N, C-alpha and C. Protein backbone atom coordinates (compact mmCIF):
# COMPACT_ATOMS: atom_id res chain seq x y z
N MET A 1 75.93 82.50 108.71
CA MET A 1 76.56 83.73 109.05
C MET A 1 77.11 84.34 107.78
N GLU A 2 76.88 85.61 107.57
CA GLU A 2 77.39 86.32 106.40
C GLU A 2 78.19 87.49 106.90
N LEU A 3 79.42 87.64 106.47
CA LEU A 3 80.27 88.76 106.86
C LEU A 3 81.08 89.25 105.66
N SER A 4 81.42 90.52 105.69
CA SER A 4 82.28 91.08 104.64
C SER A 4 83.10 92.19 105.22
N GLY A 5 84.16 92.53 104.56
CA GLY A 5 85.06 93.59 105.03
C GLY A 5 86.09 93.97 104.01
N LYS A 6 86.81 95.02 104.39
CA LYS A 6 87.84 95.53 103.49
C LYS A 6 89.02 95.99 104.37
N ARG A 7 90.24 95.81 103.89
CA ARG A 7 91.43 96.21 104.58
C ARG A 7 92.46 96.77 103.60
N THR A 8 93.05 97.91 103.91
CA THR A 8 94.08 98.50 103.05
C THR A 8 95.45 98.11 103.65
N LEU A 9 96.28 97.51 102.81
CA LEU A 9 97.60 97.06 103.23
C LEU A 9 98.65 97.89 102.50
N LYS A 10 99.64 98.33 103.17
CA LYS A 10 100.70 99.18 102.60
C LYS A 10 101.79 98.31 101.96
N VAL A 11 101.37 97.40 101.11
CA VAL A 11 102.24 96.47 100.44
C VAL A 11 101.74 96.21 99.04
N ALA A 12 102.63 96.01 98.08
CA ALA A 12 102.22 95.74 96.70
C ALA A 12 101.33 94.51 96.61
N ARG A 13 100.41 94.54 95.68
CA ARG A 13 99.43 93.44 95.51
C ARG A 13 100.11 92.10 95.30
N GLU A 14 101.15 92.02 94.50
CA GLU A 14 101.84 90.74 94.25
C GLU A 14 102.42 90.18 95.52
N GLU A 15 102.96 91.05 96.42
CA GLU A 15 103.50 90.58 97.68
C GLU A 15 102.39 90.08 98.60
N VAL A 16 101.24 90.77 98.63
CA VAL A 16 100.13 90.33 99.45
C VAL A 16 99.64 89.00 98.92
N TRP A 17 99.53 88.82 97.63
CA TRP A 17 99.09 87.56 97.02
C TRP A 17 100.04 86.44 97.40
N ARG A 18 101.34 86.68 97.30
CA ARG A 18 102.31 85.66 97.65
C ARG A 18 102.14 85.23 99.12
N ALA A 19 101.98 86.22 100.02
CA ALA A 19 101.86 85.94 101.43
C ALA A 19 100.57 85.19 101.72
N LEU A 20 99.47 85.58 101.07
CA LEU A 20 98.20 84.90 101.29
C LEU A 20 98.18 83.44 100.78
N ASN A 21 99.18 83.10 100.02
CA ASN A 21 99.33 81.71 99.54
C ASN A 21 100.49 80.99 100.19
N ASP A 22 101.06 81.56 101.22
CA ASP A 22 102.18 80.98 101.94
C ASP A 22 101.71 80.37 103.27
N PRO A 23 101.64 79.06 103.35
CA PRO A 23 101.07 78.44 104.59
C PRO A 23 101.86 78.85 105.88
N ALA A 24 103.19 79.06 105.76
CA ALA A 24 103.94 79.43 106.95
C ALA A 24 103.54 80.84 107.46
N ILE A 25 103.38 81.78 106.54
CA ILE A 25 102.94 83.14 106.93
C ILE A 25 101.52 83.09 107.51
N LEU A 26 100.64 82.37 106.87
CA LEU A 26 99.26 82.29 107.34
C LEU A 26 99.20 81.63 108.73
N CYS A 27 99.92 80.57 108.92
CA CYS A 27 99.90 79.85 110.21
C CYS A 27 100.35 80.80 111.32
N LYS A 28 101.40 81.56 111.08
CA LYS A 28 101.90 82.51 112.09
C LYS A 28 100.91 83.63 112.32
N SER A 29 100.02 83.90 111.40
CA SER A 29 99.08 84.99 111.50
C SER A 29 97.77 84.60 112.17
N ILE A 30 97.47 83.34 112.21
CA ILE A 30 96.18 82.87 112.70
C ILE A 30 96.33 82.48 114.17
N THR A 31 95.56 83.14 115.00
CA THR A 31 95.58 82.84 116.44
C THR A 31 95.18 81.38 116.63
N GLY A 32 95.99 80.64 117.39
CA GLY A 32 95.69 79.26 117.71
C GLY A 32 96.01 78.24 116.65
N CYS A 33 96.58 78.70 115.51
CA CYS A 33 96.89 77.76 114.45
C CYS A 33 98.10 76.92 114.86
N GLU A 34 97.90 75.63 114.84
CA GLU A 34 98.96 74.67 115.20
C GLU A 34 99.66 74.18 113.96
N SER A 35 98.92 74.05 112.87
CA SER A 35 99.57 73.63 111.61
C SER A 35 98.66 74.01 110.45
N LEU A 36 99.29 74.29 109.30
CA LEU A 36 98.63 74.55 108.06
C LEU A 36 99.54 73.99 106.95
N ASP A 37 99.16 72.83 106.47
CA ASP A 37 100.03 72.10 105.53
C ASP A 37 99.37 71.92 104.20
N GLN A 38 100.15 72.16 103.15
CA GLN A 38 99.62 71.92 101.78
C GLN A 38 99.61 70.42 101.53
N VAL A 39 98.43 69.91 101.13
CA VAL A 39 98.30 68.47 100.90
C VAL A 39 98.01 68.15 99.44
N GLY A 40 97.87 69.16 98.63
CA GLY A 40 97.62 68.99 97.21
C GLY A 40 97.65 70.35 96.54
N GLU A 41 97.42 70.35 95.24
CA GLU A 41 97.37 71.64 94.54
C GLU A 41 96.13 72.42 95.01
N ASN A 42 96.40 73.55 95.62
CA ASN A 42 95.36 74.44 96.15
C ASN A 42 94.55 73.79 97.28
N GLU A 43 95.10 72.79 97.98
CA GLU A 43 94.43 72.14 99.10
C GLU A 43 95.34 72.14 100.33
N PHE A 44 94.74 72.43 101.51
CA PHE A 44 95.48 72.48 102.74
C PHE A 44 94.73 71.78 103.86
N ALA A 45 95.52 71.26 104.80
CA ALA A 45 94.96 70.66 106.04
C ALA A 45 95.38 71.58 107.20
N ALA A 46 94.44 71.85 108.12
CA ALA A 46 94.71 72.75 109.22
C ALA A 46 94.32 72.12 110.53
N VAL A 47 95.07 72.51 111.59
CA VAL A 47 94.75 72.14 112.96
C VAL A 47 94.78 73.46 113.73
N LEU A 48 93.71 73.74 114.46
CA LEU A 48 93.55 75.02 115.13
C LEU A 48 92.93 74.82 116.49
N ALA A 49 93.50 75.43 117.51
CA ALA A 49 92.92 75.44 118.85
C ALA A 49 92.15 76.74 118.98
N ALA A 50 90.88 76.67 119.34
CA ALA A 50 90.05 77.89 119.41
C ALA A 50 89.17 77.82 120.65
N ALA A 51 88.79 79.02 121.11
CA ALA A 51 87.87 79.17 122.22
C ALA A 51 86.85 80.23 121.85
N ILE A 52 85.60 79.84 121.92
CA ILE A 52 84.51 80.81 121.69
C ILE A 52 83.65 80.74 122.95
N GLY A 53 83.76 81.75 123.76
CA GLY A 53 83.08 81.73 125.07
C GLY A 53 83.54 80.53 125.86
N PRO A 54 82.62 79.74 126.40
CA PRO A 54 82.98 78.57 127.20
C PRO A 54 83.42 77.37 126.43
N VAL A 55 83.25 77.46 125.08
CA VAL A 55 83.54 76.28 124.24
C VAL A 55 85.01 76.37 123.75
N ARG A 56 85.78 75.35 124.16
CA ARG A 56 87.19 75.29 123.71
C ARG A 56 87.34 73.95 123.00
N ALA A 57 88.04 74.03 121.87
CA ALA A 57 88.24 72.78 121.10
C ALA A 57 89.44 72.90 120.19
N ARG A 58 89.84 71.77 119.69
CA ARG A 58 90.88 71.64 118.71
C ARG A 58 90.18 71.21 117.44
N PHE A 59 90.23 72.07 116.45
CA PHE A 59 89.55 71.82 115.19
C PHE A 59 90.55 71.28 114.14
N ARG A 60 90.08 70.32 113.36
CA ARG A 60 90.82 69.80 112.22
C ARG A 60 89.96 70.11 111.00
N GLY A 61 90.61 70.62 109.96
CA GLY A 61 89.83 70.99 108.81
C GLY A 61 90.59 70.96 107.53
N LYS A 62 89.86 71.22 106.45
CA LYS A 62 90.39 71.26 105.09
C LYS A 62 90.06 72.60 104.49
N LEU A 63 90.99 73.10 103.71
CA LEU A 63 90.80 74.33 102.91
C LEU A 63 91.08 74.02 101.45
N ARG A 64 90.30 74.61 100.59
CA ARG A 64 90.51 74.42 99.14
C ARG A 64 90.33 75.76 98.47
N LEU A 65 91.32 76.12 97.61
CA LEU A 65 91.27 77.37 96.84
C LEU A 65 90.60 77.03 95.49
N GLU A 66 89.63 77.83 95.12
CA GLU A 66 88.93 77.64 93.84
C GLU A 66 88.87 78.98 93.11
N ASP A 67 88.56 78.93 91.84
CA ASP A 67 88.37 80.12 91.01
C ASP A 67 89.55 81.10 91.19
N VAL A 68 90.77 80.55 91.17
CA VAL A 68 91.95 81.35 91.38
C VAL A 68 92.28 82.18 90.14
N VAL A 69 92.40 83.50 90.34
CA VAL A 69 92.78 84.43 89.30
C VAL A 69 93.94 85.23 89.89
N ALA A 70 95.19 84.73 89.74
CA ALA A 70 96.37 85.36 90.34
C ALA A 70 96.66 86.67 89.63
N PRO A 71 97.07 87.71 90.29
CA PRO A 71 97.06 87.94 91.74
C PRO A 71 95.85 88.75 92.19
N SER A 72 94.68 88.44 91.71
CA SER A 72 93.50 89.26 91.94
C SER A 72 92.47 88.66 92.89
N SER A 73 92.16 87.36 92.78
CA SER A 73 91.05 86.86 93.58
C SER A 73 91.08 85.34 93.65
N TYR A 74 90.35 84.79 94.58
CA TYR A 74 90.06 83.40 94.69
C TYR A 74 88.94 83.18 95.70
N THR A 75 88.42 81.99 95.72
CA THR A 75 87.41 81.58 96.69
C THR A 75 88.04 80.47 97.55
N LEU A 76 87.88 80.63 98.82
CA LEU A 76 88.47 79.69 99.83
C LEU A 76 87.28 78.91 100.42
N ARG A 77 87.19 77.63 100.14
CA ARG A 77 86.15 76.78 100.72
C ARG A 77 86.80 76.09 101.94
N PHE A 78 86.04 75.99 103.02
CA PHE A 78 86.61 75.42 104.22
C PHE A 78 85.54 74.57 104.92
N GLU A 79 86.04 73.58 105.61
CA GLU A 79 85.20 72.76 106.48
C GLU A 79 86.09 72.23 107.62
N GLY A 80 85.51 72.16 108.81
CA GLY A 80 86.28 71.70 109.93
C GLY A 80 85.42 71.07 111.00
N GLU A 81 86.04 70.18 111.77
CA GLU A 81 85.38 69.47 112.85
C GLU A 81 86.13 69.69 114.13
N GLY A 82 85.35 69.97 115.19
CA GLY A 82 85.95 70.15 116.54
C GLY A 82 85.39 69.16 117.52
N GLY A 83 85.04 67.96 117.09
CA GLY A 83 84.46 66.95 117.94
C GLY A 83 83.14 67.44 118.53
N PRO A 84 82.94 67.26 119.84
CA PRO A 84 81.65 67.68 120.46
C PRO A 84 81.45 69.20 120.40
N ALA A 85 82.52 69.96 120.18
CA ALA A 85 82.38 71.43 120.12
C ALA A 85 81.58 71.84 118.88
N GLY A 86 81.68 71.03 117.84
CA GLY A 86 80.88 71.36 116.66
C GLY A 86 81.66 71.36 115.35
N PHE A 87 81.05 71.99 114.38
CA PHE A 87 81.65 72.00 113.05
C PHE A 87 81.41 73.37 112.41
N ALA A 88 82.12 73.61 111.36
CA ALA A 88 81.89 74.84 110.56
C ALA A 88 82.26 74.49 109.11
N LYS A 89 81.55 75.14 108.20
CA LYS A 89 81.88 75.00 106.77
C LYS A 89 81.39 76.27 106.09
N GLY A 90 82.01 76.55 104.97
CA GLY A 90 81.61 77.75 104.24
C GLY A 90 82.61 78.12 103.19
N ALA A 91 82.51 79.36 102.77
CA ALA A 91 83.40 79.86 101.71
C ALA A 91 83.69 81.34 101.95
N ALA A 92 84.88 81.74 101.55
CA ALA A 92 85.28 83.14 101.62
C ALA A 92 85.80 83.56 100.25
N HIS A 93 85.24 84.61 99.67
CA HIS A 93 85.78 85.13 98.40
C HIS A 93 86.66 86.30 98.73
N VAL A 94 87.90 86.26 98.26
CA VAL A 94 88.92 87.29 98.54
C VAL A 94 89.29 87.97 97.22
N THR A 95 89.30 89.30 97.24
CA THR A 95 89.68 90.09 96.06
C THR A 95 90.75 91.09 96.45
N LEU A 96 91.80 91.17 95.62
CA LEU A 96 92.86 92.16 95.82
C LEU A 96 92.84 93.13 94.68
N SER A 97 92.95 94.43 95.04
CA SER A 97 93.06 95.46 94.00
C SER A 97 94.03 96.50 94.50
N GLY A 98 94.38 97.38 93.61
CA GLY A 98 95.32 98.44 93.98
C GLY A 98 96.57 98.41 93.12
N GLU A 99 97.30 99.48 93.20
CA GLU A 99 98.52 99.59 92.42
C GLU A 99 99.65 100.12 93.28
N GLY A 100 100.85 99.99 92.81
CA GLY A 100 102.01 100.50 93.55
C GLY A 100 102.18 99.76 94.86
N HIS A 101 102.39 100.52 95.91
CA HIS A 101 102.69 99.90 97.22
C HIS A 101 101.47 99.93 98.16
N GLU A 102 100.29 99.78 97.61
CA GLU A 102 99.08 99.75 98.42
C GLU A 102 98.12 98.73 97.81
N THR A 103 97.57 97.88 98.63
CA THR A 103 96.63 96.84 98.19
C THR A 103 95.36 96.94 99.03
N ILE A 104 94.24 96.82 98.35
CA ILE A 104 92.95 96.77 99.04
C ILE A 104 92.51 95.33 98.99
N LEU A 105 92.32 94.72 100.17
CA LEU A 105 91.89 93.33 100.28
C LEU A 105 90.38 93.40 100.73
N GLU A 106 89.54 92.83 99.91
CA GLU A 106 88.12 92.75 100.24
C GLU A 106 87.73 91.28 100.37
N TYR A 107 86.80 90.98 101.28
CA TYR A 107 86.37 89.61 101.43
C TYR A 107 84.88 89.55 101.76
N GLN A 108 84.30 88.43 101.39
CA GLN A 108 82.92 88.13 101.73
C GLN A 108 82.93 86.67 102.17
N VAL A 109 82.36 86.43 103.36
CA VAL A 109 82.34 85.07 103.92
C VAL A 109 80.91 84.66 104.22
N SER A 110 80.67 83.45 103.89
CA SER A 110 79.39 82.80 104.22
C SER A 110 79.73 81.50 104.91
N SER A 111 79.17 81.28 106.10
CA SER A 111 79.54 80.07 106.83
C SER A 111 78.33 79.52 107.60
N GLN A 112 78.42 78.24 107.90
CA GLN A 112 77.46 77.55 108.73
C GLN A 112 78.22 76.91 109.87
N ILE A 113 77.65 77.01 111.10
CA ILE A 113 78.26 76.36 112.22
C ILE A 113 77.19 75.52 112.94
N GLY A 114 77.67 74.51 113.61
CA GLY A 114 76.74 73.62 114.35
C GLY A 114 77.42 73.09 115.62
N GLY A 115 76.63 72.48 116.47
CA GLY A 115 77.15 71.92 117.72
C GLY A 115 77.17 72.94 118.82
N LYS A 116 78.04 72.70 119.79
CA LYS A 116 78.09 73.60 120.94
C LYS A 116 78.45 75.02 120.57
N ILE A 117 79.32 75.20 119.56
CA ILE A 117 79.72 76.55 119.20
C ILE A 117 78.52 77.36 118.70
N ALA A 118 77.57 76.68 118.09
CA ALA A 118 76.40 77.40 117.59
C ALA A 118 75.49 77.84 118.75
N GLN A 119 75.60 77.19 119.91
CA GLN A 119 74.74 77.47 121.04
C GLN A 119 75.22 78.65 121.86
N VAL A 120 76.43 79.17 121.64
CA VAL A 120 76.93 80.26 122.46
C VAL A 120 76.35 81.57 122.08
N GLY A 121 75.72 81.67 120.96
CA GLY A 121 75.03 82.89 120.56
C GLY A 121 75.77 83.66 119.52
N SER A 122 74.99 84.26 118.59
CA SER A 122 75.60 84.95 117.44
C SER A 122 76.37 86.20 117.86
N ARG A 123 75.94 86.90 118.90
CA ARG A 123 76.69 88.11 119.32
C ARG A 123 78.10 87.75 119.78
N LEU A 124 78.21 86.72 120.58
CA LEU A 124 79.53 86.30 121.05
C LEU A 124 80.39 85.81 119.88
N ILE A 125 79.78 85.04 118.99
CA ILE A 125 80.54 84.54 117.83
C ILE A 125 81.00 85.70 116.98
N ASP A 126 80.13 86.71 116.70
CA ASP A 126 80.50 87.87 115.93
C ASP A 126 81.62 88.64 116.60
N SER A 127 81.54 88.81 117.89
CA SER A 127 82.57 89.52 118.65
C SER A 127 83.92 88.81 118.56
N VAL A 128 83.89 87.53 118.76
CA VAL A 128 85.14 86.71 118.68
C VAL A 128 85.69 86.79 117.26
N ALA A 129 84.81 86.72 116.26
CA ALA A 129 85.24 86.77 114.86
C ALA A 129 85.95 88.07 114.57
N ARG A 130 85.38 89.19 115.01
CA ARG A 130 86.00 90.50 114.76
C ARG A 130 87.40 90.58 115.43
N LYS A 131 87.46 90.09 116.65
CA LYS A 131 88.75 90.11 117.37
C LYS A 131 89.78 89.24 116.67
N LEU A 132 89.41 88.03 116.31
CA LEU A 132 90.33 87.14 115.60
C LEU A 132 90.74 87.72 114.26
N ALA A 133 89.85 88.33 113.56
CA ALA A 133 90.18 88.95 112.28
C ALA A 133 91.19 90.09 112.47
N GLU A 134 90.93 90.95 113.44
CA GLU A 134 91.85 92.04 113.72
C GLU A 134 93.21 91.50 114.08
N ASP A 135 93.24 90.47 114.94
CA ASP A 135 94.53 89.86 115.34
C ASP A 135 95.22 89.27 114.11
N PHE A 136 94.45 88.63 113.23
CA PHE A 136 95.02 88.04 112.02
C PHE A 136 95.69 89.14 111.18
N PHE A 137 94.97 90.18 110.91
CA PHE A 137 95.52 91.24 110.02
C PHE A 137 96.72 91.94 110.67
N THR A 138 96.68 92.14 111.96
CA THR A 138 97.86 92.77 112.64
C THR A 138 99.06 91.88 112.51
N ALA A 139 98.94 90.56 112.74
CA ALA A 139 100.07 89.65 112.60
C ALA A 139 100.47 89.50 111.16
N PHE A 140 99.51 89.43 110.26
CA PHE A 140 99.83 89.30 108.82
C PHE A 140 100.59 90.49 108.33
N GLU A 141 100.14 91.71 108.66
CA GLU A 141 100.85 92.90 108.23
C GLU A 141 102.22 93.00 108.83
N ALA A 142 102.39 92.57 110.08
CA ALA A 142 103.70 92.62 110.71
C ALA A 142 104.73 91.77 109.96
N GLN A 143 104.26 90.73 109.30
CA GLN A 143 105.16 89.84 108.55
C GLN A 143 105.48 90.36 107.16
N ILE A 144 104.57 91.12 106.57
CA ILE A 144 104.79 91.51 105.18
C ILE A 144 105.00 93.00 104.94
N ALA A 145 104.58 93.85 105.83
CA ALA A 145 104.65 95.29 105.60
C ALA A 145 105.91 95.88 106.17
N PRO A 146 106.35 97.04 105.60
CA PRO A 146 107.51 97.74 106.15
C PRO A 146 107.18 98.19 107.57
N PRO A 147 108.16 98.33 108.44
CA PRO A 147 107.93 98.67 109.87
C PRO A 147 107.07 99.91 110.03
N ALA A 148 107.23 100.98 109.27
CA ALA A 148 106.44 102.18 109.45
C ALA A 148 104.97 101.89 109.21
N ALA A 149 104.65 101.08 108.24
CA ALA A 149 103.24 100.73 107.94
C ALA A 149 102.65 99.90 109.05
N VAL A 150 103.42 99.03 109.67
CA VAL A 150 102.93 98.18 110.79
C VAL A 150 102.64 99.07 111.96
N GLU A 151 103.54 100.03 112.27
CA GLU A 151 103.30 100.94 113.42
C GLU A 151 102.00 101.69 113.23
N ALA A 152 101.73 102.17 112.04
CA ALA A 152 100.48 102.91 111.76
C ALA A 152 99.29 101.96 111.95
N ALA A 153 99.42 100.72 111.53
CA ALA A 153 98.30 99.78 111.65
C ALA A 153 98.02 99.40 113.09
N GLU A 154 99.03 99.49 113.98
CA GLU A 154 98.86 99.14 115.37
C GLU A 154 98.12 100.21 116.19
N ARG A 155 98.05 101.43 115.65
CA ARG A 155 97.29 102.48 116.34
C ARG A 155 95.82 102.05 116.43
N PRO A 156 95.18 102.29 117.56
CA PRO A 156 93.78 101.89 117.67
C PRO A 156 92.92 102.62 116.65
N PRO A 157 92.01 101.92 116.02
CA PRO A 157 91.12 102.57 115.03
C PRO A 157 90.12 103.49 115.73
N ARG A 158 89.67 104.50 115.00
CA ARG A 158 88.59 105.35 115.50
C ARG A 158 87.34 104.51 115.60
N ARG A 159 86.47 104.88 116.49
CA ARG A 159 85.24 104.10 116.71
C ARG A 159 84.46 103.90 115.42
N THR A 160 84.38 104.91 114.56
CA THR A 160 83.62 104.75 113.34
C THR A 160 84.29 103.75 112.39
N GLU A 161 85.63 103.71 112.38
CA GLU A 161 86.32 102.74 111.52
C GLU A 161 86.02 101.33 112.05
N TRP A 162 86.09 101.13 113.37
CA TRP A 162 85.88 99.79 113.93
C TRP A 162 84.47 99.35 113.66
N ALA A 163 83.52 100.21 113.80
CA ALA A 163 82.10 99.87 113.60
C ALA A 163 81.79 99.50 112.16
N SER A 164 82.57 100.07 111.23
CA SER A 164 82.30 99.80 109.81
C SER A 164 83.08 98.64 109.27
N ASN A 165 83.84 97.93 110.10
CA ASN A 165 84.68 96.83 109.61
C ASN A 165 84.31 95.51 110.26
N PRO A 166 83.17 94.91 109.98
CA PRO A 166 82.84 93.59 110.54
C PRO A 166 83.73 92.54 109.85
N TRP A 167 84.36 91.68 110.63
CA TRP A 167 85.31 90.71 110.09
C TRP A 167 84.69 89.32 110.03
N VAL A 168 85.22 88.53 109.18
CA VAL A 168 84.58 87.30 108.87
C VAL A 168 85.28 86.07 109.41
N TRP A 169 86.32 86.19 110.15
CA TRP A 169 87.08 84.99 110.52
C TRP A 169 86.40 84.11 111.52
N ALA A 170 85.29 84.55 112.11
CA ALA A 170 84.63 83.67 113.08
C ALA A 170 84.28 82.35 112.45
N GLY A 171 83.69 82.43 111.27
CA GLY A 171 83.32 81.20 110.58
C GLY A 171 84.53 80.33 110.27
N ILE A 172 85.59 80.94 109.86
CA ILE A 172 86.79 80.20 109.50
C ILE A 172 87.43 79.63 110.75
N ILE A 173 87.55 80.49 111.80
CA ILE A 173 88.14 80.02 113.04
C ILE A 173 87.27 78.92 113.66
N ALA A 174 85.98 79.14 113.69
CA ALA A 174 85.08 78.15 114.23
C ALA A 174 85.20 76.85 113.50
N ALA A 175 85.48 76.91 112.23
CA ALA A 175 85.66 75.72 111.41
C ALA A 175 86.98 75.06 111.67
N GLY A 176 87.85 75.75 112.36
CA GLY A 176 89.16 75.19 112.56
C GLY A 176 90.07 75.53 111.39
N ILE A 177 89.55 76.43 110.61
CA ILE A 177 90.30 76.75 109.39
C ILE A 177 90.29 78.28 109.29
N VAL A 178 91.33 78.83 109.11
CA VAL A 178 91.32 80.24 108.97
C VAL A 178 92.13 80.54 107.74
N VAL A 179 92.12 81.19 107.76
CA VAL A 179 92.82 81.59 106.72
C VAL A 179 92.39 81.28 105.64
N LEU A 180 90.81 82.91 106.22
CA LEU A 180 90.74 83.41 106.11
C LEU A 180 91.14 83.57 105.38
N VAL A 181 91.66 81.91 107.00
CA VAL A 181 91.19 82.08 106.85
C VAL A 181 91.65 82.91 106.47
N ALA A 182 91.33 84.64 106.07
CA ALA A 182 91.36 85.16 105.74
C ALA A 182 91.28 85.21 105.13
N LEU A 183 91.58 84.86 105.59
CA LEU A 183 91.12 85.19 104.66
C LEU A 183 91.86 84.65 103.70
N ARG A 184 92.52 84.49 103.17
CA ARG A 184 92.78 83.38 102.31
C ARG A 184 92.55 82.15 103.08
N LEU A 185 92.05 83.60 103.80
CA LEU A 185 91.34 83.22 104.58
C LEU A 185 91.09 83.72 104.73
N ALA A 186 91.54 83.89 104.54
CA ALA A 186 90.98 84.62 104.76
C ALA A 186 90.87 85.07 104.99
N LEU A 187 90.91 84.56 105.01
CA LEU A 187 90.09 84.93 105.28
C LEU A 187 89.61 85.22 106.28
N ARG A 188 89.16 85.92 108.08
CA ARG A 188 88.14 85.90 109.11
C ARG A 188 86.93 86.28 108.48
C-alpha cells in the first residue's frame, strides 16, 4: 500500500517537531493507542487496539526513527504483530516546512500487511486509514494548536479537499504502530 498526503498546521515548525517526537502527545492522538514508550534512542514500543472491518486485534509493534534532520524530516520504520489478525510493516517519510506560525506536514507511506487484515479488502483498509488519519490530526492539533486554529480544523472539509487528501495511517494502524504513526507517524 502506498499513500501520501499533506496537512497545514497553524503552529510553528519547531513546536510541531517537538510534538511529533513526544510519545505522550502521540499516544493521546492515536485512536486505540494503549502505550507508546521510548525504549532506546529513536526507538519506541507500541501497543494498539484496532478494528478494521470484522477484524479486531491488539497489535504490538516497534517504531524506529531514521535519517533524522531536526526540525525538518525523518523516516519512521514500523513493524507490528496482531496475532492471528496479521502483521504490518513499512516506512513513513515525514517532512516539515514553513515559517512563522504555520507548518506544512507532508508524508509518504509504504506498507505491507498480511493475515486476516489483508483479507478484508483494500477499499475498506483505505477507508479506515483515512478516518484514522483524520482522527489523528484532529486530536494532534487539539493538543498543540491555539484554540481558534483547532476550531477551524474541526469544520468539515469541502468534498474536493477530502478527496485530495488520502491518508496513510492505515498501514501504521494495521501494524499496531501509528504514529504515523503519523505520522511520526506519522504518520497514518
